[in-house]
Amino acid sequence: MSAITTATGLVIEDVVEGSGTEAAAGQHVTVHYTGWLTDGTKFDSSKDRNDPFDFPLGARHVIAGWDEGVQGMKVGGTRKLTIPSDLGYGARGAGGVIPPNATLVFEVELLQVD
């Protein structure tokens, strides 16, 4: 599993290479995800709730690290995204669960592209 670091500092690792439709900005995608802090603390998981999450890719409805990191995935694939705080929740953190300036680690599985 080789990692790619983008110009923005996002680290992308393909855990499972998908073989379905490739996700691109402007499409609607459905994913399962789990998010951790770098110390291993899990803060959220759609898998645990059995509730896939859908959003318009590239429309800034999610953190910037997701908009960038999900593009190029293929349905059936899983990626590990290590997201620096400026592509995540930045200095404000989120919901008392994600501290300010936190680097986030997400495992994202692409279920569907519309």
PDB file of N, CA and C in Angstrom:
ATOM      1  N   MET A   1       0.854  -1.180   0.000  1.00  0.00           N
ATOM      2  CA  MET A   1       0.000   0.000   0.000  1.00  0.00           C
ATOM      3  C   MET A   1       0.898   1.240   0.000  1.00  0.00           C
ATOM      4  N   SER A   2       0.982   1.920  -1.138  1.00  0.00           N
ATOM      5  CA  SER A   2       1.836   3.099  -1.225  1.00  0.00           C
ATOM      6  C   SER A   2       1.011   4.355  -0.991  1.00  0.00           C
ATOM      7  N   ALA A   3       1.642   5.308  -0.334  1.00  0.00           N
ATOM      8  CA  ALA A   3       0.967   6.555   0.000  1.00  0.00           C
ATOM      9  C   ALA A   3       1.401   7.657  -0.955  1.00  0.00           C
ATOM     10  N   ILE A   4       0.463   8.525  -1.279  1.00  0.00           N
ATOM     11  CA  ILE A   4       0.728   9.704  -2.103  1.00  0.00           C
ATOM     12  C   ILE A   4       0.402  10.920  -1.245  1.00  0.00           C
ATOM     13  N   THR A   5       1.324  11.875  -1.192  1.00  0.00           N
ATOM     14  CA  THR A   5       1.053  13.134  -0.509  1.00  0.00           C
ATOM     15  C   THR A   5       0.804  14.196  -1.571  1.00  0.00           C
ATOM     16  N   THR A   6      -0.359  14.825  -1.501  1.00  0.00           N
ATOM     17  CA  THR A   6      -0.724  15.840  -2.495  1.00  0.00           C
ATOM     18  C   THR A   6      -0.083  17.183  -2.142  1.00  0.00           C
ATOM     19  N   ALA A   7      -0.208  18.138  -3.034  1.00  0.00           N
ATOM     20  CA  ALA A   7       0.351  19.477  -2.822  1.00  0.00           C
ATOM     21  C   ALA A   7      -0.254  20.161  -1.598  1.00  0.00           C
ATOM     22  N   THR A   8      -1.462  19.781  -1.217  1.00  0.00           N
ATOM     23  CA  THR A   8      -2.129  20.391  -0.061  1.00  0.00           C
ATOM     24  C   THR A   8      -1.717  19.744   1.257  1.00  0.00           C
ATOM     25  N   GLY A   9      -0.975  18.630   1.192  1.00  0.00           N
ATOM     26  CA  GLY A   9      -0.563  17.922   2.399  1.00  0.00           C
ATOM     27  C   GLY A   9      -1.425  16.724   2.741  1.00  0.00           C
ATOM     28  N   LEU A  10      -2.462  16.488   1.960  1.00  0.00           N
ATOM     29  CA  LEU A  10      -3.314  15.313   2.150  1.00  0.00           C
ATOM     30  C   LEU A  10      -2.530  14.058   1.785  1.00  0.00           C
ATOM     31  N   VAL A  11      -2.609  13.032   2.638  1.00  0.00           N
ATOM     32  CA  VAL A  11      -1.958  11.755   2.347  1.00  0.00           C
ATOM     33  C   VAL A  11      -3.038  10.746   1.968  1.00  0.00           C
ATOM     34  N   ILE A  12      -2.896  10.159   0.777  1.00  0.00           N
ATOM     35  CA  ILE A  12      -3.871   9.212   0.236  1.00  0.00           C
ATOM     36  C   ILE A  12      -3.222   7.848   0.095  1.00  0.00           C
ATOM     37  N   GLU A  13      -3.846   6.829   0.687  1.00  0.00           N
ATOM     38  CA  GLU A  13      -3.391   5.449   0.531  1.00  0.00           C
ATOM     39  C   GLU A  13      -4.565   4.609   0.051  1.00  0.00           C
ATOM     40  N   ASP A  14      -4.410   3.958  -1.096  1.00  0.00           N
ATOM     41  CA  ASP A  14      -5.444   3.039  -1.566  1.00  0.00           C
ATOM     42  C   ASP A  14      -5.276   1.715  -0.833  1.00  0.00           C
ATOM     43  N   VAL A  15      -6.235   1.385   0.030  1.00  0.00           N
ATOM     44  CA  VAL A  15      -6.231   0.128   0.780  1.00  0.00           C
ATOM     45  C   VAL A  15      -6.761  -0.982  -0.116  1.00  0.00           C
ATOM     46  N   VAL A  16      -7.867  -0.695  -0.795  1.00  0.00           N
ATOM     47  CA  VAL A  16      -8.469  -1.605  -1.775  1.00  0.00           C
ATOM     48  C   VAL A  16      -8.748  -0.785  -3.029  1.00  0.00           C
ATOM     49  N   GLU A  17      -8.226  -1.228  -4.158  1.00  0.00           N
ATOM     50  CA  GLU A  17      -8.481  -0.549  -5.437  1.00  0.00           C
ATOM     51  C   GLU A  17      -9.851  -0.984  -5.939  1.00  0.00           C
ATOM     52  N   GLY A  18     -10.737  -0.037  -6.163  1.00  0.00           N
ATOM     53  CA  GLY A  18     -12.061  -0.363  -6.678  1.00  0.00           C
ATOM     54  C   GLY A  18     -12.021  -0.653  -8.166  1.00  0.00           C
ATOM     55  N   SER A  19     -13.095  -1.222  -8.672  1.00  0.00           N
ATOM     56  CA  SER A  19     -13.163  -1.540 -10.103  1.00  0.00           C
ATOM     57  C   SER A  19     -14.402  -0.945 -10.766  1.00  0.00           C
ATOM     58  N   GLY A  20     -15.178  -0.188 -10.004  1.00  0.00           N
ATOM     59  CA  GLY A  20     -16.406   0.390 -10.545  1.00  0.00           C
ATOM     60  C   GLY A  20     -16.195   1.789 -11.089  1.00  0.00           C
ATOM     61  N   THR A  21     -17.274   2.557 -11.140  1.00  0.00           N
ATOM     62  CA  THR A  21     -17.268   3.926 -11.652  1.00  0.00           C
ATOM     63  C   THR A  21     -16.332   4.806 -10.831  1.00  0.00           C
ATOM     64  N   GLU A  22     -15.580   5.664 -11.511  1.00  0.00           N
ATOM     65  CA  GLU A  22     -14.654   6.573 -10.835  1.00  0.00           C
ATOM     66  C   GLU A  22     -15.369   7.847 -10.410  1.00  0.00           C
ATOM     67  N   ALA A  23     -15.116   8.271  -9.171  1.00  0.00           N
ATOM     68  CA  ALA A  23     -15.742   9.471  -8.618  1.00  0.00           C
ATOM     69  C   ALA A  23     -15.037  10.725  -9.114  1.00  0.00           C
ATOM     70  N   ALA A  24     -15.837  11.712  -9.504  1.00  0.00           N
ATOM     71  CA  ALA A  24     -15.304  12.994  -9.959  1.00  0.00           C
ATOM     72  C   ALA A  24     -16.149  14.120  -9.383  1.00  0.00           C
ATOM     73  N   ALA A  25     -15.554  15.298  -9.295  1.00  0.00           N
ATOM     74  CA  ALA A  25     -16.275  16.473  -8.805  1.00  0.00           C
ATOM     75  C   ALA A  25     -17.536  16.680  -9.630  1.00  0.00           C
ATOM     76  N   GLY A  26     -18.611  17.056  -8.940  1.00  0.00           N
ATOM     77  CA  GLY A  26     -19.890  17.276  -9.597  1.00  0.00           C
ATOM     78  C   GLY A  26     -20.816  16.076  -9.518  1.00  0.00           C
ATOM     79  N   GLN A  27     -20.271  14.933  -9.099  1.00  0.00           N
ATOM     80  CA  GLN A  27     -21.102  13.737  -8.942  1.00  0.00           C
ATOM     81  C   GLN A  27     -21.552  13.606  -7.496  1.00  0.00           C
ATOM     82  N   HIS A  28     -22.587  12.814  -7.290  1.00  0.00           N
ATOM     83  CA  HIS A  28     -23.091  12.504  -5.959  1.00  0.00           C
ATOM     84  C   HIS A  28     -22.494  11.154  -5.569  1.00  0.00           C
ATOM     85  N   VAL A  29     -21.858  11.081  -4.401  1.00  0.00           N
ATOM     86  CA  VAL A  29     -21.220   9.837  -3.974  1.00  0.00           C
ATOM     87  C   VAL A  29     -21.808   9.358  -2.655  1.00  0.00           C
ATOM     88  N   THR A  30     -21.763   8.043  -2.450  1.00  0.00           N
ATOM     89  CA  THR A  30     -22.192   7.426  -1.197  1.00  0.00           C
ATOM     90  C   THR A  30     -21.011   6.639  -0.653  1.00  0.00           C
ATOM     91  N   VAL A  31     -20.691   6.872   0.616  1.00  0.00           N
ATOM     92  CA  VAL A  31     -19.528   6.239   1.238  1.00  0.00           C
ATOM     93  C   VAL A  31     -19.887   5.660   2.600  1.00  0.00           C
ATOM     94  N   HIS A  32     -19.058   4.724   3.032  1.00  0.00           N
ATOM     95  CA  HIS A  32     -18.975   4.342   4.438  1.00  0.00           C
ATOM     96  C   HIS A  32     -17.640   4.873   4.920  1.00  0.00           C
ATOM     97  N   TYR A  33     -17.580   5.316   6.158  1.00  0.00           N
ATOM     98  CA  TYR A  33     -16.323   5.865   6.669  1.00  0.00           C
ATOM     99  C   TYR A  33     -16.177   5.595   8.154  1.00  0.00           C
ATOM    100  N   THR A  34     -14.928   5.622   8.595  1.00  0.00           N
ATOM    101  CA  THR A  34     -14.594   5.652  10.008  1.00  0.00           C
ATOM    102  C   THR A  34     -13.506   6.698  10.167  1.00  0.00           C
ATOM    103  N   GLY A  35     -13.623   7.526  11.204  1.00  0.00           N
ATOM    104  CA  GLY A  35     -12.644   8.576  11.453  1.00  0.00           C
ATOM    105  C   GLY A  35     -11.982   8.415  12.803  1.00  0.00           C
ATOM    106  N   TRP A  36     -10.661   8.649  12.819  1.00  0.00           N
ATOM    107  CA  TRP A  36      -9.865   8.564  14.040  1.00  0.00           C
ATOM    108  C   TRP A  36      -9.009   9.808  14.187  1.00  0.00           C
ATOM    109  N   LEU A  37      -8.683  10.131  15.419  1.00  0.00           N
ATOM    110  CA  LEU A  37      -7.611  11.081  15.682  1.00  0.00           C
ATOM    111  C   LEU A  37      -6.297  10.322  15.521  1.00  0.00           C
ATOM    112  N   THR A  38      -5.180  11.034  15.440  1.00  0.00           N
ATOM    113  CA  THR A  38      -3.894  10.354  15.233  1.00  0.00           C
ATOM    114  C   THR A  38      -3.476   9.504  16.432  1.00  0.00           C
ATOM    115  N   ASP A  39      -4.084   9.724  17.598  1.00  0.00           N
ATOM    116  CA  ASP A  39      -3.774   8.871  18.756  1.00  0.00           C
ATOM    117  C   ASP A  39      -4.593   7.584  18.766  1.00  0.00           C
ATOM    118  N   GLY A  40      -5.397   7.370  17.709  1.00  0.00           N
ATOM    119  CA  GLY A  40      -6.184   6.146  17.598  1.00  0.00           C
ATOM    120  C   GLY A  40      -7.599   6.248  18.128  1.00  0.00           C
ATOM    121  N   THR A  41      -7.974   7.400  18.683  1.00  0.00           N
ATOM    122  CA  THR A  41      -9.329   7.591  19.196  1.00  0.00           C
ATOM    123  C   THR A  41     -10.319   7.699  18.036  1.00  0.00           C
ATOM    124  N   LYS A  42     -11.271   6.763  17.988  1.00  0.00           N
ATOM    125  CA  LYS A  42     -12.306   6.819  16.954  1.00  0.00           C
ATOM    126  C   LYS A  42     -13.342   7.860  17.359  1.00  0.00           C
ATOM    127  N   PHE A  43     -13.663   8.785  16.427  1.00  0.00           N
ATOM    128  CA  PHE A  43     -14.643   9.817  16.757  1.00  0.00           C
ATOM    129  C   PHE A  43     -15.941   9.684  15.982  1.00  0.00           C
ATOM    130  N   ASP A  44     -15.956   8.911  14.898  1.00  0.00           N
ATOM    131  CA  ASP A  44     -17.198   8.767  14.137  1.00  0.00           C
ATOM    132  C   ASP A  44     -17.072   7.588  13.186  1.00  0.00           C
ATOM    133  N   SER A  45     -18.204   6.946  12.890  1.00  0.00           N
ATOM    134  CA  SER A  45     -18.202   5.842  11.931  1.00  0.00           C
ATOM    135  C   SER A  45     -19.602   5.609  11.385  1.00  0.00           C
ATOM    136  N   SER A  46     -19.747   5.770  10.078  1.00  0.00           N
ATOM    137  CA  SER A  46     -21.026   5.436   9.445  1.00  0.00           C
ATOM    138  C   SER A  46     -21.234   3.927   9.458  1.00  0.00           C
ATOM    139  N   LYS A  47     -20.130   3.172   9.445  1.00  0.00           N
ATOM    140  CA  LYS A  47     -20.229   1.706   9.482  1.00  0.00           C
ATOM    141  C   LYS A  47     -20.850   1.244  10.793  1.00  0.00           C
ATOM    142  N   ASP A  48     -20.414   1.847  11.897  1.00  0.00           N
ATOM    143  CA  ASP A  48     -20.952   1.465  13.209  1.00  0.00           C
ATOM    144  C   ASP A  48     -22.455   1.721  13.284  1.00  0.00           C
ATOM    145  N   ARG A  49     -22.908   2.774  12.619  1.00  0.00           N
ATOM    146  CA  ARG A  49     -24.340   3.107  12.608  1.00  0.00           C
ATOM    147  C   ARG A  49     -25.086   2.379  11.500  1.00  0.00           C
ATOM    148  N   ASN A  50     -24.348   1.705  10.613  1.00  0.00           N
ATOM    149  CA  ASN A  50     -24.916   1.085   9.408  1.00  0.00           C
ATOM    150  C   ASN A  50     -25.749   2.110   8.633  1.00  0.00           C
ATOM    151  N   ASP A  51     -25.155   3.293   8.455  1.00  0.00           N
ATOM    152  CA  ASP A  51     -25.849   4.404   7.811  1.00  0.00           C
ATOM    153  C   ASP A  51     -24.897   5.099   6.838  1.00  0.00           C
ATOM    154  N   PRO A  52     -24.826   4.619   5.582  1.00  0.00           N
ATOM    155  CA  PRO A  52     -23.922   5.239   4.609  1.00  0.00           C
ATOM    156  C   PRO A  52     -24.198   6.733   4.470  1.00  0.00           C
ATOM    157  N   PHE A  53     -23.149   7.471   4.133  1.00  0.00           N
ATOM    158  CA  PHE A  53     -23.212   8.927   4.019  1.00  0.00           C
ATOM    159  C   PHE A  53     -23.098   9.318   2.554  1.00  0.00           C
ATOM    160  N   ASP A  54     -23.996  10.193   2.092  1.00  0.00           N
ATOM    161  CA  ASP A  54     -23.898  10.638   0.703  1.00  0.00           C
ATOM    162  C   ASP A  54     -23.761  12.149   0.650  1.00  0.00           C
ATOM    163  N   PHE A  55     -23.036  12.610  -0.369  1.00  0.00           N
ATOM    164  CA  PHE A  55     -22.781  14.038  -0.525  1.00  0.00           C
ATOM    165  C   PHE A  55     -22.374  14.341  -1.963  1.00  0.00           C
ATOM    166  N   PRO A  56     -22.546  15.599  -2.376  1.00  0.00           N
ATOM    167  CA  PRO A  56     -22.092  16.018  -3.702  1.00  0.00           C
ATOM    168  C   PRO A  56     -20.586  16.284  -3.647  1.00  0.00           C
ATOM    169  N   LEU A  57     -19.832  15.586  -4.451  1.00  0.00           N
ATOM    170  CA  LEU A  57     -18.370  15.666  -4.416  1.00  0.00           C
ATOM    171  C   LEU A  57     -17.891  16.981  -5.028  1.00  0.00           C
ATOM    172  N   GLY A  58     -16.996  17.646  -4.308  1.00  0.00           N
ATOM    173  CA  GLY A  58     -16.415  18.884  -4.804  1.00  0.00           C
ATOM    174  C   GLY A  58     -17.261  20.115  -4.567  1.00  0.00           C
ATOM    175  N   ALA A  59     -18.340  19.982  -3.817  1.00  0.00           N
ATOM    176  CA  ALA A  59     -19.259  21.107  -3.595  1.00  0.00           C
ATOM    177  C   ALA A  59     -19.085  21.753  -2.220  1.00  0.00           C
ATOM    178  N   ARG A  60     -18.032  21.368  -1.503  1.00  0.00           N
ATOM    179  CA  ARG A  60     -17.738  21.929  -0.176  1.00  0.00           C
ATOM    180  C   ARG A  60     -18.818  21.632   0.860  1.00  0.00           C
ATOM    181  N   HIS A  61     -19.505  20.513   0.699  1.00  0.00           N
ATOM    182  CA  HIS A  61     -20.476  20.083   1.707  1.00  0.00           C
ATOM    183  C   HIS A  61     -19.800  19.271   2.802  1.00  0.00           C
ATOM    184  N   VAL A  62     -18.552  18.892   2.575  1.00  0.00           N
ATOM    185  CA  VAL A  62     -17.759  18.112   3.529  1.00  0.00           C
ATOM    186  C   VAL A  62     -16.418  18.820   3.697  1.00  0.00           C
ATOM    187  N   ILE A  63     -15.587  18.316   4.602  1.00  0.00           N
ATOM    188  CA  ILE A  63     -14.266  18.923   4.775  1.00  0.00           C
ATOM    189  C   ILE A  63     -13.460  18.794   3.477  1.00  0.00           C
ATOM    190  N   ALA A  64     -12.553  19.735   3.274  1.00  0.00           N
ATOM    191  CA  ALA A  64     -11.778  19.805   2.029  1.00  0.00           C
ATOM    192  C   ALA A  64     -10.984  18.527   1.766  1.00  0.00           C
ATOM    193  N   GLY A  65     -10.505  17.879   2.832  1.00  0.00           N
ATOM    194  CA  GLY A  65      -9.748  16.638   2.665  1.00  0.00           C
ATOM    195  C   GLY A  65     -10.570  15.525   2.043  1.00  0.00           C
ATOM    196  N   TRP A  66     -11.866  15.519   2.301  1.00  0.00           N
ATOM    197  CA  TRP A  66     -12.755  14.534   1.671  1.00  0.00           C
ATOM    198  C   TRP A  66     -13.004  14.893   0.220  1.00  0.00           C
ATOM    199  N   ASP A  67     -13.299  16.170  -0.053  1.00  0.00           N
ATOM    200  CA  ASP A  67     -13.545  16.578  -1.438  1.00  0.00           C
ATOM    201  C   ASP A  67     -12.349  16.217  -2.321  1.00  0.00           C
ATOM    202  N   GLU A  68     -11.145  16.422  -1.806  1.00  0.00           N
ATOM    203  CA  GLU A  68      -9.946  16.097  -2.577  1.00  0.00           C
ATOM    204  C   GLU A  68      -9.671  14.593  -2.600  1.00  0.00           C
ATOM    205  N   GLY A  69      -9.784  13.947  -1.452  1.00  0.00           N
ATOM    206  CA  GLY A  69      -9.354  12.556  -1.316  1.00  0.00           C
ATOM    207  C   GLY A  69     -10.280  11.513  -1.908  1.00  0.00           C
ATOM    208  N   VAL A  70     -11.564  11.828  -2.052  1.00  0.00           N
ATOM    209  CA  VAL A  70     -12.514  10.860  -2.617  1.00  0.00           C
ATOM    210  C   VAL A  70     -12.485  10.908  -4.151  1.00  0.00           C
ATOM    211  N   GLN A  71     -12.104  12.060  -4.714  1.00  0.00           N
ATOM    212  CA  GLN A  71     -12.008  12.156  -6.173  1.00  0.00           C
ATOM    213  C   GLN A  71     -10.984  11.143  -6.685  1.00  0.00           C
ATOM    214  N   GLY A  72     -11.346  10.449  -7.739  1.00  0.00           N
ATOM    215  CA  GLY A  72     -10.450   9.451  -8.318  1.00  0.00           C
ATOM    216  C   GLY A  72     -10.637   8.055  -7.766  1.00  0.00           C
ATOM    217  N   MET A  73     -11.379   7.931  -6.654  1.00  0.00           N
ATOM    218  CA  MET A  73     -11.693   6.591  -6.139  1.00  0.00           C
ATOM    219  C   MET A  73     -12.647   5.904  -7.103  1.00  0.00           C
ATOM    220  N   LYS A  74     -12.613   4.576  -7.104  1.00  0.00           N
ATOM    221  CA  LYS A  74     -13.568   3.801  -7.893  1.00  0.00           C
ATOM    222  C   LYS A  74     -14.471   3.024  -6.951  1.00  0.00           C
ATOM    223  N   VAL A  75     -15.734   2.844  -7.356  1.00  0.00           N
ATOM    224  CA  VAL A  75     -16.698   2.110  -6.539  1.00  0.00           C
ATOM    225  C   VAL A  75     -16.112   0.750  -6.168  1.00  0.00           C
ATOM    226  N   GLY A  76     -16.262   0.397  -4.888  1.00  0.00           N
ATOM    227  CA  GLY A  76     -15.702  -0.844  -4.368  1.00  0.00           C
ATOM    228  C   GLY A  76     -14.356  -0.638  -3.705  1.00  0.00           C
ATOM    229  N   GLY A  77     -13.792   0.547  -3.873  1.00  0.00           N
ATOM    230  CA  GLY A  77     -12.479   0.841  -3.311  1.00  0.00           C
ATOM    231  C   GLY A  77     -12.556   1.405  -1.907  1.00  0.00           C
ATOM    232  N   THR A  78     -11.429   1.293  -1.193  1.00  0.00           N
ATOM    233  CA  THR A  78     -11.289   1.854   0.146  1.00  0.00           C
ATOM    234  C   THR A  78      -9.991   2.650   0.190  1.00  0.00           C
ATOM    235  N   ARG A  79     -10.058   3.847   0.728  1.00  0.00           N
ATOM    236  CA  ARG A  79      -8.881   4.692   0.885  1.00  0.00           C
ATOM    237  C   ARG A  79      -8.710   5.105   2.330  1.00  0.00           C
ATOM    238  N   LYS A  80      -7.449   5.207   2.717  1.00  0.00           N
ATOM    239  CA  LYS A  80      -7.093   5.823   3.992  1.00  0.00           C
ATOM    240  C   LYS A  80      -6.643   7.243   3.668  1.00  0.00           C
ATOM    241  N   LEU A  81      -7.294   8.209   4.283  1.00  0.00           N
ATOM    242  CA  LEU A  81      -6.968   9.617   4.091  1.00  0.00           C
ATOM    243  C   LEU A  81      -6.422  10.184   5.396  1.00  0.00           C
ATOM    244  N   THR A  82      -5.202  10.709   5.366  1.00  0.00           N
ATOM    245  CA  THR A  82      -4.638  11.405   6.517  1.00  0.00           C
ATOM    246  C   THR A  82      -4.721  12.890   6.184  1.00  0.00           C
ATOM    247  N   ILE A  83      -5.576  13.576   6.928  1.00  0.00           N
ATOM    248  CA  ILE A  83      -6.007  14.925   6.571  1.00  0.00           C
ATOM    249  C   ILE A  83      -5.431  15.942   7.553  1.00  0.00           C
ATOM    250  N   PRO A  84      -4.551  16.836   7.068  1.00  0.00           N
ATOM    251  CA  PRO A  84      -4.035  17.880   7.954  1.00  0.00           C
ATOM    252  C   PRO A  84      -5.166  18.806   8.397  1.00  0.00           C
ATOM    253  N   SER A  85      -4.970  19.457   9.530  1.00  0.00           N
ATOM    254  CA  SER A  85      -6.066  20.231  10.134  1.00  0.00           C
ATOM    255  C   SER A  85      -6.623  21.309   9.211  1.00  0.00           C
ATOM    256  N   ASP A  86      -5.781  21.903   8.354  1.00  0.00           N
ATOM    257  CA  ASP A  86      -6.302  22.967   7.489  1.00  0.00           C
ATOM    258  C   ASP A  86      -7.211  22.434   6.385  1.00  0.00           C
ATOM    259  N   LEU A  87      -7.217  21.112   6.168  1.00  0.00           N
ATOM    260  CA  LEU A  87      -8.162  20.482   5.238  1.00  0.00           C
ATOM    261  C   LEU A  87      -9.287  19.782   5.996  1.00  0.00           C
ATOM    262  N   GLY A  88      -9.232  19.894   7.340  1.00  0.00           N
ATOM    263  CA  GLY A  88     -10.245  19.288   8.203  1.00  0.00           C
ATOM    264  C   GLY A  88     -11.058  20.375   8.893  1.00  0.00           C
ATOM    265  N   TYR A  89     -10.970  20.404  10.224  1.00  0.00           N
ATOM    266  CA  TYR A  89     -11.766  21.357  10.991  1.00  0.00           C
ATOM    267  C   TYR A  89     -10.954  22.530  11.526  1.00  0.00           C
ATOM    268  N   GLY A  90      -9.653  22.568  11.209  1.00  0.00           N
ATOM    269  CA  GLY A  90      -8.808  23.708  11.535  1.00  0.00           C
ATOM    270  C   GLY A  90      -8.754  24.044  13.010  1.00  0.00           C
ATOM    271  N   ALA A  91      -8.591  25.328  13.289  1.00  0.00           N
ATOM    272  CA  ALA A  91      -8.409  25.804  14.659  1.00  0.00           C
ATOM    273  C   ALA A  91      -9.669  25.686  15.503  1.00  0.00           C
ATOM    274  N   ARG A  92     -10.835  25.522  14.871  1.00  0.00           N
ATOM    275  CA  ARG A  92     -12.080  25.470  15.658  1.00  0.00           C
ATOM    276  C   ARG A  92     -12.393  24.068  16.168  1.00  0.00           C
ATOM    277  N   GLY A  93     -11.821  23.020  15.551  1.00  0.00           N
ATOM    278  CA  GLY A  93     -12.199  21.666  15.942  1.00  0.00           C
ATOM    279  C   GLY A  93     -13.653  21.410  15.581  1.00  0.00           C
ATOM    280  N   ALA A  94     -14.245  20.383  16.195  1.00  0.00           N
ATOM    281  CA  ALA A  94     -15.642  20.071  15.882  1.00  0.00           C
ATOM    282  C   ALA A  94     -16.316  19.324  17.018  1.00  0.00           C
ATOM    283  N   GLY A  95     -17.450  19.838  17.424  1.00  0.00           N
ATOM    284  CA  GLY A  95     -18.365  19.149  18.315  1.00  0.00           C
ATOM    285  C   GLY A  95     -17.808  18.646  19.629  1.00  0.00           C
ATOM    286  N   GLY A  96     -16.730  19.241  20.111  1.00  0.00           N
ATOM    287  CA  GLY A  96     -16.155  18.775  21.363  1.00  0.00           C
ATOM    288  C   GLY A  96     -15.463  17.432  21.240  1.00  0.00           C
ATOM    289  N   VAL A  97     -15.477  16.839  20.058  1.00  0.00           N
ATOM    290  CA  VAL A  97     -14.884  15.520  19.832  1.00  0.00           C
ATOM    291  C   VAL A  97     -13.551  15.649  19.105  1.00  0.00           C
ATOM    292  N   ILE A  98     -13.473  16.589  18.185  1.00  0.00           N
ATOM    293  CA  ILE A  98     -12.253  16.812  17.419  1.00  0.00           C
ATOM    294  C   ILE A  98     -11.603  18.084  17.947  1.00  0.00           C
ATOM    295  N   PRO A  99     -10.409  17.951  18.533  1.00  0.00           N
ATOM    296  CA  PRO A  99      -9.755  19.129  19.103  1.00  0.00           C
ATOM    297  C   PRO A  99      -9.260  20.093  18.020  1.00  0.00           C
ATOM    298  N   PRO A 100      -8.991  21.335  18.402  1.00  0.00           N
ATOM    299  CA  PRO A 100      -8.443  22.294  17.450  1.00  0.00           C
ATOM    300  C   PRO A 100      -7.141  21.780  16.831  1.00  0.00           C
ATOM    301  N   ASN A 101      -6.932  22.101  15.567  1.00  0.00           N
ATOM    302  CA  ASN A 101      -5.696  21.790  14.839  1.00  0.00           C
ATOM    303  C   ASN A 101      -5.376  20.298  14.766  1.00  0.00           C
ATOM    304  N   ALA A 102      -6.396  19.458  14.792  1.00  0.00           N
ATOM    305  CA  ALA A 102      -6.190  18.006  14.780  1.00  0.00           C
ATOM    306  C   ALA A 102      -5.995  17.477  13.361  1.00  0.00           C
ATOM    307  N   THR A 103      -4.986  16.619  13.202  1.00  0.00           N
ATOM    308  CA  THR A 103      -4.849  15.819  11.989  1.00  0.00           C
ATOM    309  C   THR A 103      -5.827  14.665  12.125  1.00  0.00           C
ATOM    310  N   LEU A 104      -6.565  14.369  11.057  1.00  0.00           N
ATOM    311  CA  LEU A 104      -7.596  13.333  11.080  1.00  0.00           C
ATOM    312  C   LEU A 104      -7.213  12.188  10.160  1.00  0.00           C
ATOM    313  N   VAL A 105      -7.608  10.978  10.548  1.00  0.00           N
ATOM    314  CA  VAL A 105      -7.385   9.797   9.716  1.00  0.00           C
ATOM    315  C   VAL A 105      -8.746   9.178   9.428  1.00  0.00           C
ATOM    316  N   PHE A 106      -9.066   9.039   8.156  1.00  0.00           N
ATOM    317  CA  PHE A 106     -10.332   8.434   7.748  1.00  0.00           C
ATOM    318  C   PHE A 106     -10.070   7.226   6.869  1.00  0.00           C
ATOM    319  N   GLU A 107     -10.861   6.181   7.079  1.00  0.00           N
ATOM    320  CA  GLU A 107     -10.937   5.097   6.108  1.00  0.00           C
ATOM    321  C   GLU A 107     -12.284   5.266   5.413  1.00  0.00           C
ATOM    322  N   VAL A 108     -12.237   5.449   4.100  1.00  0.00           N
ATOM    323  CA  VAL A 108     -13.431   5.747   3.312  1.00  0.00           C
ATOM    324  C   VAL A 108     -13.621   4.661   2.263  1.00  0.00           C
ATOM    325  N   GLU A 109     -14.809   4.061   2.244  1.00  0.00           N
ATOM    326  CA  GLU A 109     -15.162   3.057   1.239  1.00  0.00           C
ATOM    327  C   GLU A 109     -16.201   3.661   0.304  1.00  0.00           C
ATOM    328  N   LEU A 110     -15.906   3.675  -0.994  1.00  0.00           N
ATOM    329  CA  LEU A 110     -16.829   4.242  -1.975  1.00  0.00           C
ATOM    330  C   LEU A 110     -17.849   3.187  -2.380  1.00  0.00           C
ATOM    331  N   LEU A 111     -19.117   3.451  -2.054  1.00  0.00           N
ATOM    332  CA  LEU A 111     -20.196   2.498  -2.305  1.00  0.00           C
ATOM    333  C   LEU A 111     -20.921   2.760  -3.622  1.00  0.00           C
ATOM    334  N   GLN A 112     -21.077   4.045  -3.981  1.00  0.00           N
ATOM    335  CA  GLN A 112     -21.901   4.373  -5.145  1.00  0.00           C
ATOM    336  C   GLN A 112     -21.528   5.747  -5.681  1.00  0.00           C
ATOM    337  N   VAL A 113     -21.636   5.901  -7.000  1.00  0.00           N
ATOM    338  CA  VAL A 113     -21.450   7.185  -7.676  1.00  0.00           C
ATOM    339  C   VAL A 113     -22.671   7.417  -8.557  1.00  0.00           C
ATOM    340  N   ASP A 114     -23.286   8.590  -8.424  1.00  0.00           N
ATOM    341  CA  ASP A 114     -24.445   8.943  -9.263  1.00  0.00           C
ATOM    342  C   ASP A 114     -24.140  10.190 -10.068  1.00  0.00           C
TER     343      ASP A 114
END
